[in-house]
C-alpha atoms as a PDB file:
ATOM      1  CA  MET A   1     254.859 -43.872 197.184  1.00  0.00           C
ATOM      2  CA  ASP A   2     252.839 -46.192 196.454  1.00  0.00           C
ATOM      3  CA  LEU A   3     250.138 -43.875 196.534  1.00  0.00           C
ATOM      4  CA  ILE A   4     251.537 -41.718 194.086  1.00  0.00           C
ATOM      5  CA  ARG A   5     252.765 -44.070 192.302  1.00  0.00           C
ATOM      6  CA  LYS A   6     249.375 -45.754 191.253  1.00  0.00           C
ATOM      7  CA  ARG A   7     248.233 -41.966 190.654  1.00  0.00           C
ATOM      8  CA  TYR A   8     250.617 -40.787 187.986  1.00  0.00           C
ATOM      9  CA  ARG A   9     251.225 -44.135 186.391  1.00  0.00           C
ATOM     10  CA  LYS A  10     250.067 -44.525 182.590  1.00  0.00           C
ATOM     11  CA  PRO A  11     246.729 -46.351 182.574  1.00  0.00           C
ATOM     12  CA  LYS A  12     246.186 -49.944 181.000  1.00  0.00           C
ATOM     13  CA  GLY A  13     244.351 -50.541 178.438  1.00  0.00           C
ATOM     14  CA  ARG A  14     242.423 -47.766 176.137  1.00  0.00           C
ATOM     15  CA  PRO A  15     241.510 -44.810 177.989  1.00  0.00           C
ATOM     16  CA  CYS A  16     237.677 -43.504 178.056  1.00  0.00           C
ATOM     17  CA  LYS A  17     236.344 -40.718 176.083  1.00  0.00           C
ATOM     18  CA  ARG A  18     236.417 -38.576 178.762  1.00  0.00           C
ATOM     19  CA  ARG A  19     240.006 -38.423 179.895  1.00  0.00           C
ATOM     20  CA  SER A  20     240.785 -38.602 175.841  1.00  0.00           C
ATOM     21  CA  ALA A  21     238.791 -35.133 175.653  1.00  0.00           C
ATOM     22  CA  GLN A  22     240.608 -33.688 178.541  1.00  0.00           C
ATOM     23  CA  SER A  23     244.243 -34.698 177.024  1.00  0.00           C
ATOM     24  CA  ALA A  24     243.108 -33.133 173.714  1.00  0.00           C
ATOM     25  CA  ASN A  25     242.115 -29.845 175.555  1.00  0.00           C
ATOM     26  CA  ALA A  26     244.969 -29.632 178.045  1.00  0.00           C
ATOM     27  CA  LEU A  27     247.134 -29.941 174.149  1.00  0.00           C
ATOM     28  CA  LYS A  28     244.894 -27.453 172.501  1.00  0.00           C
ATOM     29  CA  ARG A  29     245.887 -24.920 175.590  1.00  0.00           C
ATOM     30  CA  TRP A  30     249.275 -25.891 175.735  1.00  0.00           C
ATOM     31  CA  ASN A  31     249.936 -25.253 171.914  1.00  0.00           C
ATOM     32  CA  LYS A  32     248.286 -21.802 172.473  1.00  0.00           C
ATOM     33  CA  SER A  33     250.542 -20.564 175.719  1.00  0.00           C
ATOM     34  CA  VAL A  34     253.387 -21.549 173.605  1.00  0.00           C
ATOM     35  CA  ASP A  35     252.257 -19.594 170.368  1.00  0.00           C
ATOM     36  CA  LYS A  36     251.633 -16.674 173.121  1.00  0.00           C
ATOM     37  CA  ILE A  37     254.832 -17.358 174.811  1.00  0.00           C
ATOM     38  CA  ASP A  38     256.881 -17.194 171.118  1.00  0.00           C
ATOM     39  CA  ASP A  39     254.604 -13.953 170.111  1.00  0.00           C
ATOM     40  CA  SER A  40     255.545 -11.821 173.485  1.00  0.00           C
ATOM     41  CA  ALA A  41     259.419 -12.874 173.030  1.00  0.00           C
ATOM     42  CA  VAL A  42     259.478 -11.689 169.046  1.00  0.00           C
ATOM     43  CA  VAL A  43     257.973  -8.386 170.289  1.00  0.00           C
ATOM     44  CA  GLU A  44     260.318  -8.168 172.931  1.00  0.00           C
ATOM     45  CA  ALA A  45     263.527  -9.256 170.638  1.00  0.00           C
ATOM     46  CA  GLU A  46     262.337  -6.200 168.154  1.00  0.00           C
ATOM     47  CA  ILE A  47     261.834  -3.825 170.946  1.00  0.00           C
ATOM     48  CA  ILE A  48     265.157  -4.638 172.067  1.00  0.00           C
ATOM     49  CA  LYS A  49     266.859  -4.407 168.945  1.00  0.00           C
ATOM     50  CA  ASN A  50     265.354  -1.356 167.442  1.00  0.00           C
ATOM     51  CA  LYS A  51     265.333   1.569 170.232  1.00  0.00           C
ATOM     52  CA  ASP A  52     263.279   3.888 168.005  1.00  0.00           C
ATOM     53  CA  PHE A  53     260.415   1.485 168.610  1.00  0.00           C
ATOM     54  CA  LYS A  54     258.451   3.661 171.548  1.00  0.00           C
ATOM     55  CA  LYS A  55     259.031   6.831 169.494  1.00  0.00           C
ATOM     56  CA  GLN A  56     257.394   5.171 166.298  1.00  0.00           C
ATOM     57  CA  VAL A  57     254.523   3.821 168.398  1.00  0.00           C
ATOM     58  CA  LEU A  58     254.003   6.979 169.892  1.00  0.00           C
ATOM     59  CA  ASP A  59     254.392   9.394 166.419  1.00  0.00           C
ATOM     60  CA  LEU A  60     251.492   6.867 165.067  1.00  0.00           C
ATOM     61  CA  SER A  61     249.191   7.839 168.077  1.00  0.00           C
ATOM     62  CA  ARG A  62     249.740  11.734 167.920  1.00  0.00           C
ATOM     63  CA  ASP A  63     249.021  11.567 164.002  1.00  0.00           C
ATOM     64  CA  VAL A  64     245.713   9.982 164.593  1.00  0.00           C
ATOM     65  CA  VAL A  65     245.288  12.348 167.549  1.00  0.00           C
ATOM     66  CA  ARG A  66     245.986  15.693 165.447  1.00  0.00           C
ATOM     67  CA  GLY A  67     244.246  14.698 162.685  1.00  0.00           C
ATOM     68  CA  LYS A  68     240.710  13.826 164.942  1.00  0.00           C
ATOM     69  CA  TYR A  69     241.578  17.739 166.341  1.00  0.00           C
ATOM     70  CA  ILE A  70     241.897  18.791 163.088  1.00  0.00           C
ATOM     71  CA  ASP A  71     238.748  17.010 162.152  1.00  0.00           C
ATOM     72  CA  CYS A  72     236.638  19.159 164.755  1.00  0.00           C
ATOM     73  CA  ASP A  73     238.538  21.864 163.914  1.00  0.00           C
ATOM     74  CA  SER A  74     239.817  22.887 160.467  1.00  0.00           C
ATOM     75  CA  SER A  75     241.304  26.178 161.204  1.00  0.00           C
ATOM     76  CA  LEU A  76     243.879  24.002 163.513  1.00  0.00           C
ATOM     77  CA  GLU A  77     245.541  22.703 160.172  1.00  0.00           C
ATOM     78  CA  ASN A  78     247.783  25.660 160.059  1.00  0.00           C
ATOM     79  CA  GLU A  79     248.682  25.391 163.919  1.00  0.00           C
ATOM     80  CA  GLU A  80     251.944  23.634 164.574  1.00  0.00           C
ATOM     81  CA  VAL A  81     251.375  23.252 168.213  1.00  0.00           C
ATOM     82  CA  ILE A  82     247.623  22.282 169.431  1.00  0.00           C
ATOM     83  CA  ASP A  83     245.807  22.290 172.774  1.00  0.00           C
ATOM     84  CA  VAL A  84     244.287  18.861 173.548  1.00  0.00           C
ATOM     85  CA  CYS A  85     242.340  17.593 176.427  1.00  0.00           C
ATOM     86  CA  VAL A  86     244.246  14.723 178.246  1.00  0.00           C
ATOM     87  CA  SER A  87     243.810  12.640 181.027  1.00  0.00           C
ATOM     88  CA  TYR A  88     246.658  11.979 183.433  1.00  0.00           C
ATOM     89  CA  ASP A  89     247.323   8.826 186.289  1.00  0.00           C
ATOM     90  CA  GLY A  90     250.390   7.245 187.247  1.00  0.00           C
ATOM     91  CA  THR A  91     251.021   3.998 188.942  1.00  0.00           C
ATOM     92  CA  TRP A  92     253.841   1.740 190.871  1.00  0.00           C
ATOM     93  CA  GLY A  93     254.986  -1.585 190.798  1.00  0.00           C
ATOM     94  CA  LYS A  94     253.758  -2.554 193.690  1.00  0.00           C
ATOM     95  CA  ARG A  95     250.974  -0.953 196.110  1.00  0.00           C
ATOM     96  CA  GLY A  96     252.067   0.904 199.329  1.00  0.00           C
ATOM     97  CA  HIS A  97     255.271   3.531 199.249  1.00  0.00           C
ATOM     98  CA  THR A  98     258.403   1.682 198.980  1.00  0.00           C
ATOM     99  CA  SER A  99     257.943   0.924 195.024  1.00  0.00           C
ATOM    100  CA  LEU A 100     260.799   1.390 193.115  1.00  0.00           C
ATOM    101  CA  HIS A 101     259.291   1.270 190.061  1.00  0.00           C
ATOM    102  CA  GLY A 102     256.376   4.073 188.661  1.00  0.00           C
ATOM    103  CA  ILE A 103     254.624   5.592 185.743  1.00  0.00           C
ATOM    104  CA  GLY A 104     253.260   8.146 184.208  1.00  0.00           C
ATOM    105  CA  ILE A 105     250.705   8.258 181.212  1.00  0.00           C
ATOM    106  CA  VAL A 106     249.044  10.946 179.544  1.00  0.00           C
ATOM    107  CA  ILE A 107     246.115   9.640 176.853  1.00  0.00           C
ATOM    108  CA  ASP A 108     244.334  11.806 174.699  1.00  0.00           C
ATOM    109  CA  ILE A 109     240.085  12.260 176.023  1.00  0.00           C
ATOM    110  CA  LEU A 110     238.683  12.068 172.259  1.00  0.00           C
ATOM    111  CA  THR A 111     240.741   9.114 171.062  1.00  0.00           C
ATOM    112  CA  GLY A 112     241.592   7.267 174.158  1.00  0.00           C
ATOM    113  CA  LEU A 113     244.900   6.696 172.632  1.00  0.00           C
ATOM    114  CA  VAL A 114     248.565   6.979 174.551  1.00  0.00           C
ATOM    115  CA  ILE A 115     250.008  10.556 173.858  1.00  0.00           C
ATOM    116  CA  ASP A 116     253.356  10.001 176.268  1.00  0.00           C
ATOM    117  CA  PHE A 117     254.585   7.871 179.092  1.00  0.00           C
ATOM    118  CA  GLU A 118     257.495   7.934 181.364  1.00  0.00           C
ATOM    119  CA  VAL A 119     258.921   5.535 183.827  1.00  0.00           C
ATOM    120  CA  LEU A 120     260.551   6.425 187.164  1.00  0.00           C
ATOM    121  CA  SER A 121     263.148   3.607 188.367  1.00  0.00           C
ATOM    122  CA  LYS A 122     264.774   3.296 191.700  1.00  0.00           C
ATOM    123  CA  TYR A 123     267.024   0.598 191.231  1.00  0.00           C
ATOM    124  CA  CYS A 124     269.324  -0.513 188.627  1.00  0.00           C
ATOM    125  CA  HIS A 125     270.363  -4.442 188.585  1.00  0.00           C
ATOM    126  CA  ASP A 126     274.210  -3.993 186.995  1.00  0.00           C
ATOM    127  CA  CYS A 127     274.519  -0.754 189.469  1.00  0.00           C
ATOM    128  CA  VAL A 128     273.656  -3.462 192.204  1.00  0.00           C
ATOM    129  CA  ASN A 129     275.844  -5.975 191.192  1.00  0.00           C
ATOM    130  CA  SER A 130     278.980  -3.790 190.649  1.00  0.00           C
ATOM    131  CA  GLU A 131     278.895  -2.561 193.708  1.00  0.00           C
ATOM    132  CA  GLY A 132     278.616  -5.626 195.265  1.00  0.00           C
ATOM    133  CA  MET A 133     281.844  -6.401 192.952  1.00  0.00           C
ATOM    134  CA  LEU A 134     284.050  -3.380 192.815  1.00  0.00           C
ATOM    135  CA  CYS A 135     282.977  -1.470 196.104  1.00  0.00           C
ATOM    136  CA  LYS A 136     281.464   1.723 195.747  1.00  0.00           C
ATOM    137  CA  ASN A 137     283.756   3.905 196.422  1.00  0.00           C
ATOM    138  CA  THR A 138     286.161   2.157 194.466  1.00  0.00           C
ATOM    139  CA  PRO A 139     288.211   4.062 191.811  1.00  0.00           C
ATOM    140  CA  GLU A 140     287.000   0.609 189.690  1.00  0.00           C
ATOM    141  CA  PHE A 141     283.438   1.502 190.816  1.00  0.00           C
ATOM    142  CA  ARG A 142     283.773   5.157 189.272  1.00  0.00           C
ATOM    143  CA  ILE A 143     285.296   4.364 186.073  1.00  0.00           C
ATOM    144  CA  TRP A 144     282.439   1.606 185.555  1.00  0.00           C
ATOM    145  CA  HIS A 145     279.917   3.794 186.664  1.00  0.00           C
ATOM    146  CA  ASP A 146     280.891   7.042 184.424  1.00  0.00           C
ATOM    147  CA  SER A 147     280.763   4.075 181.347  1.00  0.00           C
ATOM    148  CA  HIS A 148     277.288   2.813 182.366  1.00  0.00           C
ATOM    149  CA  LYS A 149     275.458   6.164 183.046  1.00  0.00           C
ATOM    150  CA  ASN A 150     274.080   6.002 179.366  1.00  0.00           C
ATOM    151  CA  ASP A 151     272.307   2.567 179.731  1.00  0.00           C
ATOM    152  CA  CYS A 152     271.329   3.205 183.634  1.00  0.00           C
ATOM    153  CA  GLN A 153     267.937   2.309 184.685  1.00  0.00           C
ATOM    154  CA  LYS A 154     267.721   4.033 187.537  1.00  0.00           C
ATOM    155  CA  ASN A 155     266.674   7.684 186.483  1.00  0.00           C
ATOM    156  CA  PHE A 156     265.035   9.059 190.351  1.00  0.00           C
ATOM    157  CA  ASN A 157     265.964   9.336 193.677  1.00  0.00           C
ATOM    158  CA  GLY A 158     263.307  10.904 195.286  1.00  0.00           C
ATOM    159  CA  SER A 159     260.274   9.076 197.221  1.00  0.00           C
ATOM    160  CA  SER A 160     257.942   6.511 195.763  1.00  0.00           C
ATOM    161  CA  ASN A 161     255.155   8.786 196.784  1.00  0.00           C
ATOM    162  CA  SER A 162     255.992  11.149 194.308  1.00  0.00           C
ATOM    163  CA  MET A 163     256.721   9.517 191.278  1.00  0.00           C
ATOM    164  CA  GLU A 164     253.146  10.424 189.583  1.00  0.00           C
ATOM    165  CA  MET A 165     254.257  14.092 189.893  1.00  0.00           C
ATOM    166  CA  ASN A 166     257.825  14.444 188.466  1.00  0.00           C
ATOM    167  CA  ALA A 167     256.853  12.165 186.045  1.00  0.00           C
ATOM    168  CA  ALA A 168     253.852  14.661 185.072  1.00  0.00           C
ATOM    169  CA  ALA A 169     256.312  17.375 185.242  1.00  0.00           C
ATOM    170  CA  ILE A 170     258.625  15.765 182.575  1.00  0.00           C
ATOM    171  CA  LEU A 171     256.206  14.729 180.210  1.00  0.00           C
ATOM    172  CA  TRP A 172     254.635  18.004 180.164  1.00  0.00           C
ATOM    173  CA  LYS A 173     257.733  19.827 179.622  1.00  0.00           C
ATOM    174  CA  ARG A 174     258.267  18.080 176.457  1.00  0.00           C
ATOM    175  CA  SER A 175     254.960  17.870 175.306  1.00  0.00           C
ATOM    176  CA  VAL A 176     255.824  20.922 172.681  1.00  0.00           C
ATOM    177  CA  LYS A 177     258.810  19.849 171.908  1.00  0.00           C
ATOM    178  CA  GLU A 178     257.704  16.160 171.126  1.00  0.00           C
ATOM    179  CA  ALA A 179     254.311  15.927 170.487  1.00  0.00           C
ATOM    180  CA  LYS A 180     253.584  19.601 169.119  1.00  0.00           C
ATOM    181  CA  MET A 181     250.751  19.778 171.680  1.00  0.00           C
ATOM    182  CA  ARG A 182     250.215  21.164 174.648  1.00  0.00           C
ATOM    183  CA  TYR A 183     248.116  19.534 177.415  1.00  0.00           C
ATOM    184  CA  MET A 184     245.625  22.693 178.246  1.00  0.00           C
ATOM    185  CA  THR A 185     242.833  20.622 179.484  1.00  0.00           C
ATOM    186  CA  LEU A 186     243.307  17.790 182.642  1.00  0.00           C
ATOM    187  CA  LEU A 187     240.817  14.973 183.518  1.00  0.00           C
ATOM    188  CA  SER A 188     242.295  13.665 186.500  1.00  0.00           C
ATOM    189  CA  ASP A 189     241.034  11.284 189.738  1.00  0.00           C
ATOM    190  CA  GLY A 190     240.355  13.640 191.891  1.00  0.00           C
ATOM    191  CA  ASP A 191     243.664  13.991 193.564  1.00  0.00           C
ATOM    192  CA  GLY A 192     244.792  18.025 193.322  1.00  0.00           C
ATOM    193  CA  LYS A 193     248.685  17.668 193.524  1.00  0.00           C
ATOM    194  CA  ILE A 194     249.527  16.796 189.956  1.00  0.00           C
ATOM    195  CA  HIS A 195     246.977  20.003 188.424  1.00  0.00           C
ATOM    196  CA  GLN A 196     248.810  22.259 191.539  1.00  0.00           C
ATOM    197  CA  HIS A 197     252.291  21.245 190.796  1.00  0.00           C
ATOM    198  CA  LEU A 198     251.655  21.682 186.593  1.00  0.00           C
ATOM    199  CA  ASN A 199     250.196  25.501 187.399  1.00  0.00           C
ATOM    200  CA  GLU A 200     253.550  26.283 190.246  1.00  0.00           C
ATOM    201  CA  ILE A 201     256.497  25.312 187.807  1.00  0.00           C
ATOM    202  CA  GLN A 202     254.240  27.443 184.752  1.00  0.00           C
ATOM    203  CA  VAL A 203     255.151  24.566 181.906  1.00  0.00           C
ATOM    204  CA  TYR A 204     254.035  26.620 179.569  1.00  0.00           C
ATOM    205  CA  GLY A 205     254.737  30.309 180.747  1.00  0.00           C
ATOM    206  CA  LYS A 206     253.304  32.647 182.680  1.00  0.00           C
ATOM    207  CA  LYS A 207     250.278  33.111 179.969  1.00  0.00           C
ATOM    208  CA  CYS A 208     249.461  30.117 179.998  1.00  0.00           C
ATOM    209  CA  ASP A 209     249.755  28.849 183.829  1.00  0.00           C
ATOM    210  CA  HIS A 210     245.910  27.830 183.968  1.00  0.00           C
ATOM    211  CA  HIS A 211     244.992  24.764 183.411  1.00  0.00           C
ATOM    212  CA  GLU A 212     241.307  23.682 183.342  1.00  0.00           C
ATOM    213  CA  ARG A 213     240.792  20.632 185.721  1.00  0.00           C
ATOM    214  CA  ARG A 214     237.973  18.226 185.527  1.00  0.00           C
ATOM    215  CA  VAL A 215     237.833  15.950 188.086  1.00  0.00           C
ATOM    216  CA  TYR A 216     236.076  12.808 188.149  1.00  0.00           C
ATOM    217  CA  LYS A 217     236.341   9.513 189.978  1.00  0.00           C
ATOM    218  CA  PRO A 218     234.147   6.831 189.488  1.00  0.00           C
ATOM    219  CA  CYS A 219     233.411   4.729 192.563  1.00  0.00           C
ATOM    220  CA  CYS A 220     230.863   1.711 190.928  1.00  0.00           C
ATOM    221  CA  LYS A 221     230.046   0.699 187.897  1.00  0.00           C
ATOM    222  CA  LYS A 222     227.256   2.621 187.188  1.00  0.00           C
ATOM    223  CA  SER A 223     229.820   5.999 187.395  1.00  0.00           C
ATOM    224  CA  TRP A 224     231.645   4.079 185.191  1.00  0.00           C
ATOM    225  CA  TYR A 225     228.520   3.581 182.653  1.00  0.00           C
ATOM    226  CA  TRP A 226     227.666   7.661 182.608  1.00  0.00           C
ATOM    227  CA  PHE A 227     231.579   8.097 182.118  1.00  0.00           C
ATOM    228  CA  GLU A 228     231.866   6.421 178.910  1.00  0.00           C
ATOM    229  CA  LYS A 229     227.934   8.029 178.000  1.00  0.00           C
ATOM    230  CA  CYS A 230     229.528  11.448 178.146  1.00  0.00           C
ATOM    231  CA  CYS A 231     232.596  10.956 176.633  1.00  0.00           C
ATOM    232  CA  PRO A 232     230.977  10.375 173.220  1.00  0.00           C
ATOM    233  CA  ARG A 233     229.023  13.778 173.884  1.00  0.00           C
ATOM    234  CA  LEU A 234     232.223  15.586 174.998  1.00  0.00           C
ATOM    235  CA  GLU A 235     233.581  14.829 171.330  1.00  0.00           C
ATOM    236  CA  GLU A 236     230.405  16.259 169.909  1.00  0.00           C
ATOM    237  CA  LYS A 237     230.105  18.824 171.957  1.00  0.00           C
ATOM    238  CA  ARG A 238     234.069  20.091 170.470  1.00  0.00           C
ATOM    239  CA  CYS A 239     232.972  19.637 167.068  1.00  0.00           C
ATOM    240  CA  HIS A 240     229.821  21.780 166.945  1.00  0.00           C
ATOM    241  CA  SER A 241     231.755  24.287 168.651  1.00  0.00           C
ATOM    242  CA  GLY A 242     235.027  24.397 166.673  1.00  0.00           C
ATOM    243  CA  GLY A 243     237.233  23.754 169.895  1.00  0.00           C
END
């Protein structure tokens, strides 16, 4: 106890320059972290308050993407639905095959903007608490659950490994209605399950059941450098070819 008290007690006299500088730097870091926390809290409050925040952000991204494709091919200006080249990948809340949360993301190749995403969850905190309080098989729980369906966070019952594939199906099916786009060219990371599944369910009908698949799996910094150099070339080639 004496050692701890000596270590953390207030030093007597005037502090040295080194200690004063350390204290000043610590205060600056603290103020910056507080500002970040305040900003994130404000953004989170706005998102909760405005339920259309996601739609507004995605609409802005889609407008930019559409404008980029029209710049490359002016004939697309009169088209209600356009064909785009996208990259798709999924991720989970934790490693392994037991994650309760997963997300699938569609990114436009030319602009690098997120066009759409889907979050899948196998867990709802409110449902778990209510099951413990009301018991799952009681009439009270059924009445509560019926009123809770619209706000329930659980929207998936399959395996964690299949979240990526199911999220892709959801995103592709609503692409025409919500984004006014068809994801006809897919750049993936070498996993053929997504491409095969999309062709099997025939998202855009029998006439559009083939998705061009470009497989790329970077394995080192040199590969990423090559990939980043090829992206502008792909964009330039598309602009010159008119599609």
